[in-house]
Amino acid sequence: MRVRALTFRILNQLRHDRRTLALMLAAPVFLLTLVYFILGDTVPLVKVAVINAPAGFEDKLEELNVRSLRYSESEARRALEQGEIIASINISGGKSAIDVDGSNPTKAKAALAALEQAKNSALSSRPDLKSEVNYVYGQEDLPTFDNFGATLIGFIIFFFVFLVSGISFLQERTSGTLEKLLSTPVRRWEIVVGYVLGFGLFTILQSFLISWYCVYVLKVMMVGSFALILLITLLTAMIALTLGILASTLANNEFQMMQFIPVLIVPQIFFSGLFDLPAGMEVVGHFMPLYYIAHALTEVMIKGGGFVAIAWDLGIILACSVLFMMVNALLLKKYRRI
């Protein structure tokens, strides 16, 4: 009898908690649909530049699901540096020169295999023609962890700062501390900025520790400046902090805060660079902060880019942080009793 009463109480409680029901039922369906489209049979688009090649070479590349573009040598170099193509080939003077962007190892291997196969097919009369492969970024034998190390650094900082800051701010609200603050003349934006700065001091230490450990202890490939890595990770912690506080403002308890993870965090993993996405799906990543974090870290750690190369990414990250703080200040209005 008592078990039945307790069961009905839990069911009745869940029935009135529409947000929890929506997250429990809709979130799994949303994630499964996302994984279906990302890990489907669609082959990622691989683009290569053809500077000089015999007849039939480009047709063979098309058969291998590789899009070839006719470029001059300078245009191919620029496109490779800007990430518009994954490789370029120049067959002239009795040799085959291939430049490869190794920052995306999956596409790089696919491009190299297709170029070699197309070359052997188009130049079957010259089996002795060897290819000289030059890795513009990355290395041929780069360990798997080094390939994804930059993205993982951003994700780890983003995830843990989001979780800790969100739950901590939620506890401040449920314990009554936030309500007491709101009963004073202090402004809502001052509360948000104060909490961001307070938690921010700890995130500075965390960002430095994770970056230093990955670069100098785990020896993850790092071509660029360590100071830029610190700047990116600090802004990563900032945007995760503001997003975590925003999510905690929307949540009523710790359980609901945890339910935001599959909605706000997990989808960003798929678009951060860990997976090779179909061409149509890559556009979605431009609306997710973790995409810009991963891109900036890759530009510095793998490609050795400077501040100019990541200025746009840093601007987007900073703008999102400010936006989250502004929305959070507006949402705090409903907790102000007087």
C-alpha atoms as a PDB file:
ATOM      1  CA  MET A   1       0.000   0.000   0.000  1.00  0.00           C
ATOM      2  CA  ARG A   2       2.752   2.395   0.959  1.00  0.00           C
ATOM      3  CA  VAL A   3       4.793   1.388  -2.084  1.00  0.00           C
ATOM      4  CA  ARG A   4       1.827   2.120  -4.327  1.00  0.00           C
ATOM      5  CA  ALA A   5       1.287   5.502  -2.693  1.00  0.00           C
ATOM      6  CA  LEU A   6       4.935   6.383  -3.182  1.00  0.00           C
ATOM      7  CA  THR A   7       4.815   5.248  -6.810  1.00  0.00           C
ATOM      8  CA  PHE A   8       1.763   7.385  -7.546  1.00  0.00           C
ATOM      9  CA  ARG A   9       3.389  10.363  -5.853  1.00  0.00           C
ATOM     10  CA  ILE A  10       6.460  10.101  -8.095  1.00  0.00           C
ATOM     11  CA  LEU A  11       4.329   9.674 -11.208  1.00  0.00           C
ATOM     12  CA  ASN A  12       2.179  12.631 -10.273  1.00  0.00           C
ATOM     13  CA  GLN A  13       5.278  14.733  -9.625  1.00  0.00           C
ATOM     14  CA  LEU A  14       6.748  13.859 -13.024  1.00  0.00           C
ATOM     15  CA  ARG A  15       3.411  14.496 -14.728  1.00  0.00           C
ATOM     16  CA  HIS A  16       3.441  18.086 -13.542  1.00  0.00           C
ATOM     17  CA  ASP A  17       7.113  18.599 -14.370  1.00  0.00           C
ATOM     18  CA  ARG A  18       6.709  19.257 -18.092  1.00  0.00           C
ATOM     19  CA  ARG A  19      10.314  20.340 -18.592  1.00  0.00           C
ATOM     20  CA  THR A  20      11.662  17.062 -17.224  1.00  0.00           C
ATOM     21  CA  LEU A  21       9.228  15.040 -19.340  1.00  0.00           C
ATOM     22  CA  ALA A  22      10.193  16.977 -22.452  1.00  0.00           C
ATOM     23  CA  LEU A  23      13.904  16.455 -21.856  1.00  0.00           C
ATOM     24  CA  MET A  24      13.482  12.765 -21.041  1.00  0.00           C
ATOM     25  CA  LEU A  25      11.396  12.055 -24.140  1.00  0.00           C
ATOM     26  CA  ALA A  26      12.602  14.586 -26.696  1.00  0.00           C
ATOM     27  CA  ALA A  27      16.345  14.745 -25.941  1.00  0.00           C
ATOM     28  CA  PRO A  28      17.090  11.045 -26.729  1.00  0.00           C
ATOM     29  CA  VAL A  29      15.116  11.266 -29.993  1.00  0.00           C
ATOM     30  CA  PHE A  30      16.952  14.466 -30.915  1.00  0.00           C
ATOM     31  CA  LEU A  31      20.390  12.943 -30.251  1.00  0.00           C
ATOM     32  CA  LEU A  32      19.604   9.728 -32.111  1.00  0.00           C
ATOM     33  CA  THR A  33      18.412  11.734 -35.114  1.00  0.00           C
ATOM     34  CA  LEU A  34      21.566  13.831 -35.006  1.00  0.00           C
ATOM     35  CA  VAL A  35      23.816  10.766 -34.856  1.00  0.00           C
ATOM     36  CA  TYR A  36      21.847   9.173 -37.707  1.00  0.00           C
ATOM     37  CA  PHE A  37      22.552  12.078 -40.050  1.00  0.00           C
ATOM     38  CA  ILE A  38      26.173  12.547 -38.937  1.00  0.00           C
ATOM     39  CA  LEU A  39      27.236   8.898 -38.960  1.00  0.00           C
ATOM     40  CA  GLY A  40      25.126   7.923 -41.975  1.00  0.00           C
ATOM     41  CA  ASP A  41      26.404   6.638 -45.279  1.00  0.00           C
ATOM     42  CA  THR A  42      27.101  10.117 -46.648  1.00  0.00           C
ATOM     43  CA  VAL A  43      30.747  10.461 -47.642  1.00  0.00           C
ATOM     44  CA  PRO A  44      32.449  13.676 -46.435  1.00  0.00           C
ATOM     45  CA  LEU A  45      33.336  16.073 -49.230  1.00  0.00           C
ATOM     46  CA  VAL A  46      37.049  16.022 -50.075  1.00  0.00           C
ATOM     47  CA  LYS A  47      38.415  18.847 -52.223  1.00  0.00           C
ATOM     48  CA  VAL A  48      41.834  18.832 -53.895  1.00  0.00           C
ATOM     49  CA  ALA A  49      43.592  21.273 -56.185  1.00  0.00           C
ATOM     50  CA  VAL A  50      45.013  20.065 -59.498  1.00  0.00           C
ATOM     51  CA  ILE A  51      47.787  22.321 -60.757  1.00  0.00           C
ATOM     52  CA  ASN A  52      49.089  20.228 -63.623  1.00  0.00           C
ATOM     53  CA  ALA A  53      47.855  16.733 -64.507  1.00  0.00           C
ATOM     54  CA  PRO A  54      47.297  14.563 -67.616  1.00  0.00           C
ATOM     55  CA  ALA A  55      43.963  14.049 -69.327  1.00  0.00           C
ATOM     56  CA  GLY A  56      41.552  11.801 -67.470  1.00  0.00           C
ATOM     57  CA  PHE A  57      43.135  12.524 -64.101  1.00  0.00           C
ATOM     58  CA  GLU A  58      40.295  14.723 -62.847  1.00  0.00           C
ATOM     59  CA  ASP A  59      37.637  12.349 -64.164  1.00  0.00           C
ATOM     60  CA  LYS A  60      39.197   9.561 -62.149  1.00  0.00           C
ATOM     61  CA  LEU A  61      39.127  11.725 -59.019  1.00  0.00           C
ATOM     62  CA  GLU A  62      35.413  12.377 -59.527  1.00  0.00           C
ATOM     63  CA  GLU A  63      34.838   8.627 -59.715  1.00  0.00           C
ATOM     64  CA  LEU A  64      36.558   8.335 -56.345  1.00  0.00           C
ATOM     65  CA  ASN A  65      34.203  10.961 -54.779  1.00  0.00           C
ATOM     66  CA  VAL A  66      36.923  13.616 -54.695  1.00  0.00           C
ATOM     67  CA  ARG A  67      36.181  17.064 -56.102  1.00  0.00           C
ATOM     68  CA  SER A  68      39.067  18.472 -58.128  1.00  0.00           C
ATOM     69  CA  LEU A  69      39.618  22.177 -58.751  1.00  0.00           C
ATOM     70  CA  ARG A  70      41.987  23.688 -61.322  1.00  0.00           C
ATOM     71  CA  TYR A  71      44.272  26.178 -59.567  1.00  0.00           C
ATOM     72  CA  SER A  72      47.571  27.852 -60.226  1.00  0.00           C
ATOM     73  CA  GLU A  73      50.417  27.017 -57.879  1.00  0.00           C
ATOM     74  CA  SER A  74      49.975  30.210 -55.836  1.00  0.00           C
ATOM     75  CA  GLU A  75      46.185  29.814 -55.699  1.00  0.00           C
ATOM     76  CA  ALA A  76      46.521  26.219 -54.536  1.00  0.00           C
ATOM     77  CA  ARG A  77      48.906  27.258 -51.763  1.00  0.00           C
ATOM     78  CA  ARG A  78      46.533  29.984 -50.574  1.00  0.00           C
ATOM     79  CA  ALA A  79      43.530  27.631 -50.658  1.00  0.00           C
ATOM     80  CA  LEU A  80      45.470  25.020 -48.711  1.00  0.00           C
ATOM     81  CA  GLU A  81      46.491  27.504 -46.023  1.00  0.00           C
ATOM     82  CA  GLN A  82      42.906  28.759 -45.660  1.00  0.00           C
ATOM     83  CA  GLY A  83      41.445  25.262 -45.411  1.00  0.00           C
ATOM     84  CA  GLU A  84      39.474  25.447 -48.676  1.00  0.00           C
ATOM     85  CA  ILE A  85      41.133  22.254 -49.947  1.00  0.00           C
ATOM     86  CA  ILE A  86      42.785  19.304 -48.240  1.00  0.00           C
ATOM     87  CA  ALA A  87      45.569  18.660 -50.774  1.00  0.00           C
ATOM     88  CA  SER A  88      47.084  19.793 -54.073  1.00  0.00           C
ATOM     89  CA  ILE A  89      48.984  17.908 -56.767  1.00  0.00           C
ATOM     90  CA  ASN A  90      51.398  19.096 -59.446  1.00  0.00           C
ATOM     91  CA  ILE A  91      52.614  16.536 -61.991  1.00  0.00           C
ATOM     92  CA  SER A  92      55.401  18.045 -64.063  1.00  0.00           C
ATOM     93  CA  GLY A  93      59.056  17.639 -64.852  1.00  0.00           C
ATOM     94  CA  GLY A  94      59.006  13.893 -64.287  1.00  0.00           C
ATOM     95  CA  LYS A  95      57.774  14.095 -60.715  1.00  0.00           C
ATOM     96  CA  SER A  96      54.544  14.289 -58.760  1.00  0.00           C
ATOM     97  CA  ALA A  97      54.476  16.838 -55.914  1.00  0.00           C
ATOM     98  CA  ILE A  98      51.633  16.592 -53.397  1.00  0.00           C
ATOM     99  CA  ASP A  99      51.025  19.105 -50.617  1.00  0.00           C
ATOM    100  CA  VAL A 100      48.705  17.929 -47.835  1.00  0.00           C
ATOM    101  CA  ASP A 101      46.892  19.568 -44.931  1.00  0.00           C
ATOM    102  CA  GLY A 102      47.393  16.985 -42.196  1.00  0.00           C
ATOM    103  CA  SER A 103      45.268  18.825 -39.614  1.00  0.00           C
ATOM    104  CA  ASN A 104      42.337  16.656 -40.725  1.00  0.00           C
ATOM    105  CA  PRO A 105      43.905  13.159 -40.833  1.00  0.00           C
ATOM    106  CA  THR A 106      40.811  11.352 -42.142  1.00  0.00           C
ATOM    107  CA  LYS A 107      40.347  13.602 -45.153  1.00  0.00           C
ATOM    108  CA  ALA A 108      44.113  13.789 -45.721  1.00  0.00           C
ATOM    109  CA  LYS A 109      44.396   9.996 -45.979  1.00  0.00           C
ATOM    110  CA  ALA A 110      41.375   9.827 -48.274  1.00  0.00           C
ATOM    111  CA  ALA A 111      42.816  12.542 -50.512  1.00  0.00           C
ATOM    112  CA  LEU A 112      46.251  10.904 -50.698  1.00  0.00           C
ATOM    113  CA  ALA A 113      44.774   7.514 -51.557  1.00  0.00           C
ATOM    114  CA  ALA A 114      42.568   9.032 -54.280  1.00  0.00           C
ATOM    115  CA  LEU A 115      45.427  11.071 -55.778  1.00  0.00           C
ATOM    116  CA  GLU A 116      47.706   8.038 -55.936  1.00  0.00           C
ATOM    117  CA  GLN A 117      44.991   5.890 -57.483  1.00  0.00           C
ATOM    118  CA  ALA A 118      44.101   8.543 -60.052  1.00  0.00           C
ATOM    119  CA  LYS A 119      47.776   9.081 -60.885  1.00  0.00           C
ATOM    120  CA  ASN A 120      48.409   5.358 -61.387  1.00  0.00           C
ATOM    121  CA  SER A 121      45.324   5.097 -63.595  1.00  0.00           C
ATOM    122  CA  ALA A 122      46.073   8.174 -65.725  1.00  0.00           C
ATOM    123  CA  LEU A 123      49.810   7.453 -65.941  1.00  0.00           C
ATOM    124  CA  SER A 124      49.748   3.681 -66.186  1.00  0.00           C
ATOM    125  CA  SER A 125      52.578   3.865 -68.743  1.00  0.00           C
ATOM    126  CA  ARG A 126      54.859   5.411 -66.118  1.00  0.00           C
ATOM    127  CA  PRO A 127      54.743   3.144 -63.065  1.00  0.00           C
ATOM    128  CA  ASP A 128      58.121   4.476 -61.932  1.00  0.00           C
ATOM    129  CA  LEU A 129      56.738   7.982 -61.295  1.00  0.00           C
ATOM    130  CA  LYS A 130      57.014   8.517 -57.557  1.00  0.00           C
ATOM    131  CA  SER A 131      55.137  11.071 -55.490  1.00  0.00           C
ATOM    132  CA  GLU A 132      56.828  13.562 -53.183  1.00  0.00           C
ATOM    133  CA  VAL A 133      54.404  14.218 -50.313  1.00  0.00           C
ATOM    134  CA  ASN A 134      54.829  17.384 -48.274  1.00  0.00           C
ATOM    135  CA  TYR A 135      52.718  17.903 -45.145  1.00  0.00           C
ATOM    136  CA  VAL A 136      52.019  21.629 -44.908  1.00  0.00           C
ATOM    137  CA  TYR A 137      50.334  21.101 -41.522  1.00  0.00           C
ATOM    138  CA  GLY A 138      50.638  18.144 -39.206  1.00  0.00           C
ATOM    139  CA  GLN A 139      52.706  15.042 -39.858  1.00  0.00           C
ATOM    140  CA  GLU A 140      52.266  11.725 -41.606  1.00  0.00           C
ATOM    141  CA  ASP A 141      52.849   9.648 -38.457  1.00  0.00           C
ATOM    142  CA  LEU A 142      51.164  12.048 -36.045  1.00  0.00           C
ATOM    143  CA  PRO A 143      49.616  10.095 -33.116  1.00  0.00           C
ATOM    144  CA  THR A 144      45.837   9.943 -32.985  1.00  0.00           C
ATOM    145  CA  PHE A 145      45.687  11.893 -29.723  1.00  0.00           C
ATOM    146  CA  ASP A 146      47.729  14.707 -31.258  1.00  0.00           C
ATOM    147  CA  ASN A 147      45.294  14.901 -34.171  1.00  0.00           C
ATOM    148  CA  PHE A 148      42.364  15.527 -31.835  1.00  0.00           C
ATOM    149  CA  GLY A 149      44.231  16.964 -28.853  1.00  0.00           C
ATOM    150  CA  ALA A 150      43.363  20.572 -29.673  1.00  0.00           C
ATOM    151  CA  THR A 151      39.639  19.810 -29.855  1.00  0.00           C
ATOM    152  CA  LEU A 152      39.738  17.713 -26.688  1.00  0.00           C
ATOM    153  CA  ILE A 153      41.390  20.510 -24.698  1.00  0.00           C
ATOM    154  CA  GLY A 154      38.585  22.882 -25.644  1.00  0.00           C
ATOM    155  CA  PHE A 155      35.863  20.334 -24.932  1.00  0.00           C
ATOM    156  CA  ILE A 156      37.196  19.280 -21.518  1.00  0.00           C
ATOM    157  CA  ILE A 157      37.466  22.870 -20.308  1.00  0.00           C
ATOM    158  CA  PHE A 158      34.073  23.753 -21.792  1.00  0.00           C
ATOM    159  CA  PHE A 159      32.290  20.764 -20.243  1.00  0.00           C
ATOM    160  CA  PHE A 160      33.665  20.933 -16.702  1.00  0.00           C
ATOM    161  CA  VAL A 161      33.361  24.700 -16.365  1.00  0.00           C
ATOM    162  CA  PHE A 162      29.765  24.519 -17.637  1.00  0.00           C
ATOM    163  CA  LEU A 163      28.892  21.785 -15.158  1.00  0.00           C
ATOM    164  CA  VAL A 164      30.591  23.236 -12.073  1.00  0.00           C
ATOM    165  CA  SER A 165      29.480  26.828 -12.637  1.00  0.00           C
ATOM    166  CA  GLY A 166      25.908  25.834 -13.432  1.00  0.00           C
ATOM    167  CA  ILE A 167      25.437  23.665 -10.367  1.00  0.00           C
ATOM    168  CA  SER A 168      27.198  26.170  -8.106  1.00  0.00           C
ATOM    169  CA  PHE A 169      25.015  29.050  -9.270  1.00  0.00           C
ATOM    170  CA  LEU A 170      21.922  26.856  -8.906  1.00  0.00           C
ATOM    171  CA  GLN A 171      22.849  26.100  -5.306  1.00  0.00           C
ATOM    172  CA  GLU A 172      23.209  29.823  -4.665  1.00  0.00           C
ATOM    173  CA  ARG A 173      19.662  30.260  -5.911  1.00  0.00           C
ATOM    174  CA  THR A 174      18.056  27.316  -4.134  1.00  0.00           C
ATOM    175  CA  SER A 175      19.760  28.157  -0.838  1.00  0.00           C
ATOM    176  CA  GLY A 176      18.198  31.646  -0.870  1.00  0.00           C
ATOM    177  CA  THR A 177      21.460  33.555  -1.258  1.00  0.00           C
ATOM    178  CA  LEU A 178      20.532  34.877  -4.695  1.00  0.00           C
ATOM    179  CA  GLU A 179      17.073  35.959  -3.521  1.00  0.00           C
ATOM    180  CA  LYS A 180      18.628  37.924  -0.664  1.00  0.00           C
ATOM    181  CA  LEU A 181      20.971  39.640  -3.084  1.00  0.00           C
ATOM    182  CA  LEU A 182      18.083  40.528  -5.357  1.00  0.00           C
ATOM    183  CA  SER A 183      16.248  42.122  -2.438  1.00  0.00           C
ATOM    184  CA  THR A 184      19.059  44.680  -2.149  1.00  0.00           C
ATOM    185  CA  PRO A 185      19.606  47.661  -4.489  1.00  0.00           C
ATOM    186  CA  VAL A 186      22.244  45.690  -6.406  1.00  0.00           C
ATOM    187  CA  ARG A 187      21.516  45.456 -10.128  1.00  0.00           C
ATOM    188  CA  ARG A 188      20.997  42.188 -11.924  1.00  0.00           C
ATOM    189  CA  TRP A 189      23.867  42.704 -14.347  1.00  0.00           C
ATOM    190  CA  GLU A 190      26.157  43.421 -11.393  1.00  0.00           C
ATOM    191  CA  ILE A 191      25.207  40.049  -9.882  1.00  0.00           C
ATOM    192  CA  VAL A 192      25.934  38.255 -13.145  1.00  0.00           C
ATOM    193  CA  VAL A 193      29.277  40.012 -13.638  1.00  0.00           C
ATOM    194  CA  GLY A 194      30.212  39.401 -10.015  1.00  0.00           C
ATOM    195  CA  TYR A 195      29.550  35.679 -10.260  1.00  0.00           C
ATOM    196  CA  VAL A 196      31.397  35.460 -13.594  1.00  0.00           C
ATOM    197  CA  LEU A 197      34.463  37.196 -12.149  1.00  0.00           C
ATOM    198  CA  GLY A 198      34.306  35.135  -8.967  1.00  0.00           C
ATOM    199  CA  PHE A 199      34.164  31.800 -10.757  1.00  0.00           C
ATOM    200  CA  GLY A 200      36.512  33.170 -13.414  1.00  0.00           C
ATOM    201  CA  LEU A 201      39.468  33.285 -11.030  1.00  0.00           C
ATOM    202  CA  PHE A 202      39.245  29.518 -10.588  1.00  0.00           C
ATOM    203  CA  THR A 203      38.750  28.900 -14.300  1.00  0.00           C
ATOM    204  CA  ILE A 204      41.996  30.771 -15.010  1.00  0.00           C
ATOM    205  CA  LEU A 205      43.879  28.248 -12.895  1.00  0.00           C
ATOM    206  CA  GLN A 206      42.027  25.345 -14.483  1.00  0.00           C
ATOM    207  CA  SER A 207      42.696  26.584 -18.035  1.00  0.00           C
ATOM    208  CA  PHE A 208      46.392  27.057 -17.355  1.00  0.00           C
ATOM    209  CA  LEU A 209      46.713  23.621 -15.728  1.00  0.00           C
ATOM    210  CA  ILE A 210      44.963  21.734 -18.551  1.00  0.00           C
ATOM    211  CA  SER A 211      46.848  23.597 -21.293  1.00  0.00           C
ATOM    212  CA  TRP A 212      50.223  23.172 -19.606  1.00  0.00           C
ATOM    213  CA  TYR A 213      49.609  19.487 -18.874  1.00  0.00           C
ATOM    214  CA  CYS A 214      48.570  18.653 -22.441  1.00  0.00           C
ATOM    215  CA  VAL A 215      51.394  20.567 -24.107  1.00  0.00           C
ATOM    216  CA  TYR A 216      54.342  19.935 -21.777  1.00  0.00           C
ATOM    217  CA  VAL A 217      53.460  16.634 -20.078  1.00  0.00           C
ATOM    218  CA  LEU A 218      51.416  14.738 -22.673  1.00  0.00           C
ATOM    219  CA  LYS A 219      53.518  16.367 -25.443  1.00  0.00           C
ATOM    220  CA  VAL A 220      50.554  17.157 -27.684  1.00  0.00           C
ATOM    221  CA  MET A 221      51.734  18.762 -30.930  1.00  0.00           C
ATOM    222  CA  MET A 222      51.945  22.526 -30.490  1.00  0.00           C
ATOM    223  CA  VAL A 223      53.455  24.599 -33.288  1.00  0.00           C
ATOM    224  CA  GLY A 224      52.125  28.019 -32.337  1.00  0.00           C
ATOM    225  CA  SER A 225      52.360  30.234 -29.265  1.00  0.00           C
ATOM    226  CA  PHE A 226      51.492  28.854 -25.832  1.00  0.00           C
ATOM    227  CA  ALA A 227      50.302  32.325 -24.826  1.00  0.00           C
ATOM    228  CA  LEU A 228      47.626  32.141 -27.546  1.00  0.00           C
ATOM    229  CA  ILE A 229      46.598  28.711 -26.271  1.00  0.00           C
ATOM    230  CA  LEU A 230      46.071  30.237 -22.829  1.00  0.00           C
ATOM    231  CA  LEU A 231      44.053  33.093 -24.308  1.00  0.00           C
ATOM    232  CA  ILE A 232      41.779  30.677 -26.192  1.00  0.00           C
ATOM    233  CA  THR A 233      41.263  28.423 -23.172  1.00  0.00           C
ATOM    234  CA  LEU A 234      40.486  31.409 -20.950  1.00  0.00           C
ATOM    235  CA  LEU A 235      37.805  32.584 -23.368  1.00  0.00           C
ATOM    236  CA  THR A 236      36.582  28.994 -23.572  1.00  0.00           C
ATOM    237  CA  ALA A 237      36.165  28.930 -19.811  1.00  0.00           C
ATOM    238  CA  MET A 238      34.420  32.304 -19.970  1.00  0.00           C
ATOM    239  CA  ILE A 239      31.799  31.214 -22.503  1.00  0.00           C
ATOM    240  CA  ALA A 240      31.244  27.911 -20.675  1.00  0.00           C
ATOM    241  CA  LEU A 241      30.874  29.842 -17.421  1.00  0.00           C
ATOM    242  CA  THR A 242      28.276  32.225 -18.800  1.00  0.00           C
ATOM    243  CA  LEU A 243      26.387  29.408 -20.534  1.00  0.00           C
ATOM    244  CA  GLY A 244      26.428  27.337 -17.344  1.00  0.00           C
ATOM    245  CA  ILE A 245      25.026  30.210 -15.288  1.00  0.00           C
ATOM    246  CA  LEU A 246      22.380  30.808 -17.944  1.00  0.00           C
ATOM    247  CA  ALA A 247      21.343  27.142 -17.909  1.00  0.00           C
ATOM    248  CA  SER A 248      21.172  27.136 -14.096  1.00  0.00           C
ATOM    249  CA  THR A 249      18.840  30.138 -14.239  1.00  0.00           C
ATOM    250  CA  LEU A 250      16.464  28.102 -16.393  1.00  0.00           C
ATOM    251  CA  ALA A 251      16.718  24.965 -14.234  1.00  0.00           C
ATOM    252  CA  ASN A 252      14.723  24.377 -11.067  1.00  0.00           C
ATOM    253  CA  ASN A 253      17.036  21.764  -9.547  1.00  0.00           C
ATOM    254  CA  GLU A 254      20.302  19.869 -10.105  1.00  0.00           C
ATOM    255  CA  PHE A 255      18.476  17.115 -11.984  1.00  0.00           C
ATOM    256  CA  GLN A 256      17.199  19.556 -14.584  1.00  0.00           C
ATOM    257  CA  MET A 257      20.658  21.123 -14.790  1.00  0.00           C
ATOM    258  CA  MET A 258      22.128  17.740 -15.711  1.00  0.00           C
ATOM    259  CA  GLN A 259      19.430  17.290 -18.335  1.00  0.00           C
ATOM    260  CA  PHE A 260      20.744  20.311 -20.213  1.00  0.00           C
ATOM    261  CA  ILE A 261      23.966  18.409 -20.992  1.00  0.00           C
ATOM    262  CA  PRO A 262      22.528  16.246 -23.823  1.00  0.00           C
ATOM    263  CA  VAL A 263      20.784  19.312 -25.230  1.00  0.00           C
ATOM    264  CA  LEU A 264      23.471  22.004 -24.955  1.00  0.00           C
ATOM    265  CA  ILE A 265      26.785  20.112 -24.737  1.00  0.00           C
ATOM    266  CA  VAL A 266      26.590  16.759 -26.539  1.00  0.00           C
ATOM    267  CA  PRO A 267      25.440  18.151 -29.942  1.00  0.00           C
ATOM    268  CA  GLN A 268      28.417  20.497 -29.973  1.00  0.00           C
ATOM    269  CA  ILE A 269      30.811  17.553 -29.784  1.00  0.00           C
ATOM    270  CA  PHE A 270      29.647  16.310 -33.180  1.00  0.00           C
ATOM    271  CA  PHE A 271      30.355  19.684 -34.792  1.00  0.00           C
ATOM    272  CA  SER A 272      33.622  20.486 -33.022  1.00  0.00           C
ATOM    273  CA  GLY A 273      35.901  18.713 -35.502  1.00  0.00           C
ATOM    274  CA  LEU A 274      36.088  15.244 -33.989  1.00  0.00           C
ATOM    275  CA  PHE A 275      33.941  13.870 -36.818  1.00  0.00           C
ATOM    276  CA  ASP A 276      34.070  14.333 -40.579  1.00  0.00           C
ATOM    277  CA  LEU A 277      30.651  15.665 -41.444  1.00  0.00           C
ATOM    278  CA  PRO A 278      28.725  15.745 -44.717  1.00  0.00           C
ATOM    279  CA  ALA A 279      28.910  19.098 -46.486  1.00  0.00           C
ATOM    280  CA  GLY A 280      25.373  20.097 -45.531  1.00  0.00           C
ATOM    281  CA  MET A 281      25.887  19.309 -41.846  1.00  0.00           C
ATOM    282  CA  GLU A 282      29.074  21.355 -41.492  1.00  0.00           C
ATOM    283  CA  VAL A 283      27.064  24.585 -41.719  1.00  0.00           C
ATOM    284  CA  VAL A 284      25.283  23.752 -38.439  1.00  0.00           C
ATOM    285  CA  GLY A 285      28.597  23.893 -36.595  1.00  0.00           C
ATOM    286  CA  HIS A 286      28.907  27.617 -37.285  1.00  0.00           C
ATOM    287  CA  PHE A 287      26.098  28.219 -34.796  1.00  0.00           C
ATOM    288  CA  MET A 288      27.848  26.405 -31.947  1.00  0.00           C
ATOM    289  CA  PRO A 289      30.545  27.971 -29.719  1.00  0.00           C
ATOM    290  CA  LEU A 290      32.628  24.800 -29.449  1.00  0.00           C
ATOM    291  CA  TYR A 291      33.194  24.871 -33.227  1.00  0.00           C
ATOM    292  CA  TYR A 292      35.046  28.197 -32.976  1.00  0.00           C
ATOM    293  CA  ILE A 293      36.962  27.045 -29.903  1.00  0.00           C
ATOM    294  CA  ALA A 294      38.176  23.891 -31.667  1.00  0.00           C
ATOM    295  CA  HIS A 295      38.995  25.815 -34.852  1.00  0.00           C
ATOM    296  CA  ALA A 296      41.063  28.393 -32.969  1.00  0.00           C
ATOM    297  CA  LEU A 297      43.003  25.745 -31.027  1.00  0.00           C
ATOM    298  CA  THR A 298      43.687  23.777 -34.210  1.00  0.00           C
ATOM    299  CA  GLU A 299      44.878  26.900 -36.025  1.00  0.00           C
ATOM    300  CA  VAL A 300      47.428  27.594 -33.296  1.00  0.00           C
ATOM    301  CA  MET A 301      48.485  24.100 -32.200  1.00  0.00           C
ATOM    302  CA  ILE A 302      48.556  22.296 -35.565  1.00  0.00           C
ATOM    303  CA  LYS A 303      48.921  25.082 -38.136  1.00  0.00           C
ATOM    304  CA  GLY A 304      51.015  27.509 -36.070  1.00  0.00           C
ATOM    305  CA  GLY A 305      48.717  30.454 -36.776  1.00  0.00           C
ATOM    306  CA  GLY A 306      49.029  33.789 -34.999  1.00  0.00           C
ATOM    307  CA  PHE A 307      46.492  36.140 -33.470  1.00  0.00           C
ATOM    308  CA  VAL A 308      45.208  37.319 -36.857  1.00  0.00           C
ATOM    309  CA  ALA A 309      44.332  33.751 -37.857  1.00  0.00           C
ATOM    310  CA  ILE A 310      42.091  33.281 -34.812  1.00  0.00           C
ATOM    311  CA  ALA A 311      40.786  36.832 -34.349  1.00  0.00           C
ATOM    312  CA  TRP A 312      37.393  35.991 -35.867  1.00  0.00           C
ATOM    313  CA  ASP A 313      37.012  32.894 -33.660  1.00  0.00           C
ATOM    314  CA  LEU A 314      37.920  34.849 -30.524  1.00  0.00           C
ATOM    315  CA  GLY A 315      35.479  37.598 -31.475  1.00  0.00           C
ATOM    316  CA  ILE A 316      32.618  35.100 -31.845  1.00  0.00           C
ATOM    317  CA  ILE A 317      33.453  33.440 -28.517  1.00  0.00           C
ATOM    318  CA  LEU A 318      33.591  36.775 -26.711  1.00  0.00           C
ATOM    319  CA  ALA A 319      30.358  37.968 -28.341  1.00  0.00           C
ATOM    320  CA  CYS A 320      28.552  34.793 -27.263  1.00  0.00           C
ATOM    321  CA  SER A 321      29.774  35.263 -23.686  1.00  0.00           C
ATOM    322  CA  VAL A 322      28.410  38.815 -23.599  1.00  0.00           C
ATOM    323  CA  LEU A 323      25.112  37.644 -25.111  1.00  0.00           C
ATOM    324  CA  PHE A 324      24.709  34.896 -22.503  1.00  0.00           C
ATOM    325  CA  MET A 325      25.397  37.392 -19.709  1.00  0.00           C
ATOM    326  CA  MET A 326      22.780  39.805 -21.064  1.00  0.00           C
ATOM    327  CA  VAL A 327      20.135  37.084 -21.372  1.00  0.00           C
ATOM    328  CA  ASN A 328      20.984  35.852 -17.882  1.00  0.00           C
ATOM    329  CA  ALA A 329      20.511  39.337 -16.432  1.00  0.00           C
ATOM    330  CA  LEU A 330      17.080  39.534 -18.063  1.00  0.00           C
ATOM    331  CA  LEU A 331      16.013  36.111 -16.773  1.00  0.00           C
ATOM    332  CA  LEU A 332      17.006  36.994 -13.209  1.00  0.00           C
ATOM    333  CA  LYS A 333      14.146  39.468 -13.213  1.00  0.00           C
ATOM    334  CA  LYS A 334      11.639  36.724 -12.372  1.00  0.00           C
ATOM    335  CA  TYR A 335      13.513  35.962  -9.122  1.00  0.00           C
ATOM    336  CA  ARG A 336      13.389  39.532  -7.871  1.00  0.00           C
ATOM    337  CA  ARG A 337      10.518  39.677  -5.361  1.00  0.00           C
ATOM    338  CA  ILE A 338      10.552  43.397  -4.741  1.00  0.00           C
END
